[in-house]
């Protein structure tokens, strides 16, 4: 599935991922390939991105916490998420 994370400054991440966990307003939840369509508000917390050999933009690497080559965390203050047809769009602050 494709994940795109956009902040007010720029697109922080765009690429193929295997799983994404987010801090939803009713608690953390995870999305895998072929997840049902969803729209959600996000609260303060961390987005967890999992995939194979994830590639970050060099100018934004310092915003992500690297767990290993396949997992990163991105702290956010708030945001919105839309998942449809295996494409996740996150607008994050």
N, C-alpha and C. Protein backbone atom coordinates (compact mmCIF):
# COMPACT_ATOMS: atom_id res chain seq x y z
N UNK A 1 0.85 -1.17 0.00
CA UNK A 1 0.00 0.00 0.00
C UNK A 1 0.89 1.24 0.00
N UNK A 2 0.33 2.33 -0.45
CA UNK A 2 1.08 3.59 -0.56
C UNK A 2 0.73 4.50 0.61
N UNK A 3 1.74 5.10 1.20
CA UNK A 3 1.56 6.06 2.29
C UNK A 3 2.15 7.40 1.87
N UNK A 4 1.37 8.47 2.10
CA UNK A 4 1.87 9.83 1.89
C UNK A 4 1.56 10.63 3.14
N UNK A 5 2.61 11.23 3.72
CA UNK A 5 2.46 12.08 4.91
C UNK A 5 2.85 13.49 4.52
N UNK A 6 1.87 14.40 4.67
CA UNK A 6 2.08 15.79 4.29
C UNK A 6 1.95 16.66 5.53
N UNK A 7 2.90 17.58 5.69
CA UNK A 7 2.85 18.57 6.77
C UNK A 7 2.62 19.94 6.13
N UNK A 8 2.40 20.98 6.93
CA UNK A 8 2.23 22.31 6.34
C UNK A 8 3.46 22.76 5.54
N UNK A 9 4.64 22.22 5.88
CA UNK A 9 5.87 22.64 5.20
C UNK A 9 6.13 21.89 3.90
N UNK A 10 5.85 20.57 3.88
CA UNK A 10 6.24 19.75 2.73
C UNK A 10 5.69 18.34 2.86
N UNK A 11 5.91 17.55 1.83
CA UNK A 11 5.61 16.12 1.89
C UNK A 11 6.77 15.45 2.63
N UNK A 12 6.49 14.88 3.80
CA UNK A 12 7.54 14.28 4.64
C UNK A 12 7.90 12.87 4.21
N UNK A 13 6.91 12.15 3.69
CA UNK A 13 7.15 10.77 3.27
C UNK A 13 6.16 10.38 2.20
N UNK A 14 6.65 9.63 1.22
CA UNK A 14 5.78 9.02 0.22
C UNK A 14 6.46 7.74 -0.23
N UNK A 15 5.75 6.62 -0.06
CA UNK A 15 6.34 5.36 -0.48
C UNK A 15 5.49 4.16 -0.15
N UNK A 16 5.99 3.01 -0.55
CA UNK A 16 5.33 1.73 -0.34
C UNK A 16 5.58 1.27 1.10
N UNK A 17 4.53 0.86 1.80
CA UNK A 17 4.64 0.38 3.18
C UNK A 17 3.84 -0.91 3.34
N UNK A 18 4.11 -1.64 4.42
CA UNK A 18 3.35 -2.86 4.70
C UNK A 18 2.35 -2.67 5.82
N UNK A 19 2.61 -1.73 6.73
CA UNK A 19 1.70 -1.46 7.85
C UNK A 19 1.92 -0.04 8.36
N UNK A 20 0.83 0.56 8.85
CA UNK A 20 0.89 1.90 9.44
C UNK A 20 0.02 1.89 10.69
N UNK A 21 0.58 2.38 11.80
CA UNK A 21 -0.19 2.55 13.04
C UNK A 21 -0.25 4.03 13.35
N UNK A 22 -1.43 4.50 13.78
CA UNK A 22 -1.63 5.92 14.05
C UNK A 22 -2.37 6.14 15.36
N UNK A 23 -2.18 7.32 15.97
CA UNK A 23 -2.91 7.66 17.19
C UNK A 23 -4.26 8.29 16.86
N UNK A 24 -5.28 7.47 16.70
CA UNK A 24 -6.62 7.96 16.40
C UNK A 24 -7.27 8.59 17.62
N UNK A 25 -8.35 9.32 17.41
CA UNK A 25 -9.01 9.99 18.54
C UNK A 25 -9.65 9.00 19.51
N UNK A 26 -9.93 7.79 19.05
CA UNK A 26 -10.48 6.75 19.93
C UNK A 26 -9.45 5.70 20.29
N UNK A 27 -8.17 6.01 20.09
CA UNK A 27 -7.10 5.07 20.41
C UNK A 27 -6.29 4.72 19.17
N UNK A 28 -5.17 4.08 19.42
CA UNK A 28 -4.27 3.71 18.33
C UNK A 28 -4.88 2.59 17.49
N UNK A 29 -4.68 2.67 16.17
CA UNK A 29 -5.11 1.58 15.31
C UNK A 29 -4.12 1.39 14.17
N UNK A 30 -4.16 0.18 13.60
CA UNK A 30 -3.21 -0.20 12.56
C UNK A 30 -3.96 -0.51 11.27
N UNK A 31 -3.31 -0.18 10.15
CA UNK A 31 -3.86 -0.48 8.83
C UNK A 31 -2.87 -1.35 8.07
N UNK A 32 -3.39 -2.40 7.48
CA UNK A 32 -2.61 -3.30 6.63
C UNK A 32 -3.19 -3.24 5.22
N UNK A 33 -2.54 -3.91 4.29
CA UNK A 33 -3.01 -3.94 2.91
C UNK A 33 -4.46 -4.42 2.84
N UNK A 34 -5.22 -3.81 1.96
CA UNK A 34 -6.64 -4.13 1.73
C UNK A 34 -7.54 -3.80 2.91
N UNK A 35 -7.13 -2.86 3.75
CA UNK A 35 -7.96 -2.39 4.86
C UNK A 35 -9.20 -1.70 4.28
N UNK A 36 -10.29 -1.75 5.00
CA UNK A 36 -11.51 -1.05 4.58
C UNK A 36 -11.26 0.45 4.55
N UNK A 37 -11.95 1.18 3.69
CA UNK A 37 -11.79 2.64 3.65
C UNK A 37 -12.09 3.25 5.02
N UNK A 38 -11.35 4.29 5.35
CA UNK A 38 -11.52 4.94 6.66
C UNK A 38 -11.09 6.39 6.56
N UNK A 39 -11.74 7.23 7.36
CA UNK A 39 -11.34 8.62 7.56
C UNK A 39 -11.30 8.81 9.07
N UNK A 40 -10.22 9.43 9.58
CA UNK A 40 -10.09 9.58 11.04
C UNK A 40 -9.32 10.85 11.38
N UNK A 41 -9.67 11.42 12.53
CA UNK A 41 -8.86 12.48 13.12
C UNK A 41 -7.75 11.82 13.92
N UNK A 42 -6.60 12.47 13.96
CA UNK A 42 -5.46 11.95 14.71
C UNK A 42 -5.14 12.89 15.87
N UNK A 43 -4.67 12.31 16.97
CA UNK A 43 -4.28 13.09 18.14
C UNK A 43 -2.77 13.06 18.28
N UNK A 44 -2.29 13.72 19.33
CA UNK A 44 -0.84 13.73 19.58
C UNK A 44 -0.35 12.32 19.85
N UNK A 45 0.76 11.98 19.23
CA UNK A 45 1.33 10.65 19.38
C UNK A 45 2.35 10.40 18.29
N UNK A 46 2.50 9.12 17.92
CA UNK A 46 3.48 8.76 16.91
C UNK A 46 2.84 7.90 15.82
N UNK A 47 3.19 8.22 14.58
CA UNK A 47 2.83 7.37 13.46
C UNK A 47 3.94 6.33 13.33
N UNK A 48 3.57 5.06 13.28
CA UNK A 48 4.53 3.98 13.09
C UNK A 48 4.42 3.50 11.66
N UNK A 49 5.53 3.54 10.95
CA UNK A 49 5.58 3.14 9.54
C UNK A 49 6.43 1.89 9.44
N UNK A 50 5.88 0.84 8.82
CA UNK A 50 6.63 -0.40 8.62
C UNK A 50 6.63 -0.75 7.14
N UNK A 51 7.77 -1.20 6.67
CA UNK A 51 7.89 -1.59 5.27
C UNK A 51 9.25 -2.22 5.04
N UNK A 52 9.53 -2.57 3.82
CA UNK A 52 10.81 -3.17 3.47
C UNK A 52 11.71 -2.11 2.85
N UNK A 53 12.87 -1.88 3.48
CA UNK A 53 13.84 -0.91 2.97
C UNK A 53 13.21 0.45 2.68
N UNK A 54 12.61 1.04 3.69
CA UNK A 54 11.97 2.34 3.55
C UNK A 54 13.01 3.42 3.22
N UNK A 55 12.65 4.31 2.33
CA UNK A 55 13.53 5.40 1.92
C UNK A 55 12.95 6.73 2.37
N UNK A 56 13.66 7.44 3.23
CA UNK A 56 13.23 8.76 3.68
C UNK A 56 13.93 9.84 2.88
N UNK A 57 13.25 10.97 2.74
CA UNK A 57 13.87 12.13 2.12
C UNK A 57 14.97 12.64 3.06
N UNK A 58 16.19 12.85 2.57
CA UNK A 58 17.30 13.25 3.45
C UNK A 58 17.01 14.50 4.29
N UNK A 59 16.30 15.48 3.73
CA UNK A 59 16.05 16.72 4.47
C UNK A 59 15.05 16.54 5.61
N UNK A 60 14.32 15.41 5.64
CA UNK A 60 13.34 15.18 6.70
C UNK A 60 13.68 14.01 7.62
N UNK A 61 14.83 13.35 7.40
CA UNK A 61 15.22 12.19 8.21
C UNK A 61 15.25 12.51 9.70
N UNK A 62 15.65 13.74 10.06
CA UNK A 62 15.76 14.11 11.48
C UNK A 62 14.41 14.18 12.18
N UNK A 63 13.30 14.21 11.45
CA UNK A 63 11.97 14.24 12.07
C UNK A 63 11.48 12.83 12.43
N UNK A 64 12.13 11.80 11.89
CA UNK A 64 11.73 10.42 12.11
C UNK A 64 12.67 9.75 13.12
N UNK A 65 12.12 8.85 13.90
CA UNK A 65 12.91 8.03 14.82
C UNK A 65 13.05 6.65 14.18
N UNK A 66 14.30 6.26 13.89
CA UNK A 66 14.55 4.99 13.23
C UNK A 66 14.60 3.86 14.26
N UNK A 67 13.76 2.85 14.08
CA UNK A 67 13.78 1.67 14.93
C UNK A 67 14.71 0.63 14.30
N UNK A 68 14.54 0.37 13.01
CA UNK A 68 15.43 -0.46 12.21
C UNK A 68 15.21 -0.07 10.75
N UNK A 69 15.82 -0.79 9.82
CA UNK A 69 15.67 -0.42 8.40
C UNK A 69 14.23 -0.55 7.90
N UNK A 70 13.40 -1.24 8.65
CA UNK A 70 12.03 -1.50 8.21
C UNK A 70 10.97 -0.77 9.03
N UNK A 71 11.37 -0.03 10.08
CA UNK A 71 10.39 0.60 10.96
C UNK A 71 10.85 2.00 11.40
N UNK A 72 9.94 2.97 11.29
CA UNK A 72 10.20 4.34 11.73
C UNK A 72 9.00 4.86 12.49
N UNK A 73 9.26 5.80 13.40
CA UNK A 73 8.21 6.55 14.09
C UNK A 73 8.30 8.00 13.68
N UNK A 74 7.14 8.64 13.55
CA UNK A 74 7.07 10.07 13.29
C UNK A 74 6.16 10.70 14.33
N UNK A 75 6.69 11.54 15.23
CA UNK A 75 5.83 12.21 16.21
C UNK A 75 4.96 13.27 15.53
N UNK A 76 3.69 13.34 15.96
CA UNK A 76 2.78 14.36 15.44
C UNK A 76 2.01 14.98 16.61
N UNK A 77 1.47 16.16 16.37
CA UNK A 77 0.63 16.83 17.37
C UNK A 77 -0.85 16.60 17.07
N UNK A 78 -1.19 16.52 15.79
CA UNK A 78 -2.57 16.27 15.37
C UNK A 78 -2.56 15.98 13.88
N UNK A 79 -3.74 15.64 13.35
CA UNK A 79 -3.80 15.41 11.92
C UNK A 79 -5.10 14.76 11.50
N UNK A 80 -5.17 14.45 10.21
CA UNK A 80 -6.29 13.71 9.65
C UNK A 80 -5.73 12.62 8.75
N UNK A 81 -6.53 11.58 8.58
CA UNK A 81 -6.10 10.43 7.79
C UNK A 81 -7.25 10.00 6.89
N UNK A 82 -6.91 9.63 5.67
CA UNK A 82 -7.87 9.01 4.77
C UNK A 82 -7.21 7.80 4.13
N UNK A 83 -7.88 6.67 4.16
CA UNK A 83 -7.41 5.45 3.50
C UNK A 83 -8.48 5.01 2.53
N UNK A 84 -8.07 4.85 1.27
CA UNK A 84 -8.99 4.38 0.24
C UNK A 84 -8.17 3.71 -0.85
N UNK A 85 -8.60 2.54 -1.28
CA UNK A 85 -7.94 1.81 -2.37
C UNK A 85 -6.44 1.61 -2.13
N UNK A 86 -6.10 1.21 -0.90
CA UNK A 86 -4.71 0.94 -0.52
C UNK A 86 -3.80 2.16 -0.62
N UNK A 87 -4.35 3.35 -0.52
CA UNK A 87 -3.55 4.58 -0.45
C UNK A 87 -3.94 5.34 0.81
N UNK A 88 -2.95 5.59 1.66
CA UNK A 88 -3.17 6.33 2.91
C UNK A 88 -2.62 7.74 2.74
N UNK A 89 -3.46 8.73 2.96
CA UNK A 89 -3.03 10.13 2.96
C UNK A 89 -3.16 10.65 4.39
N UNK A 90 -2.07 11.16 4.94
CA UNK A 90 -2.07 11.74 6.27
C UNK A 90 -1.65 13.19 6.17
N UNK A 91 -2.49 14.08 6.71
CA UNK A 91 -2.13 15.49 6.87
C UNK A 91 -1.78 15.65 8.33
N UNK A 92 -0.52 15.97 8.63
CA UNK A 92 -0.06 15.97 10.02
C UNK A 92 0.57 17.30 10.41
N UNK A 93 0.37 17.65 11.68
CA UNK A 93 1.04 18.82 12.28
C UNK A 93 2.09 18.32 13.24
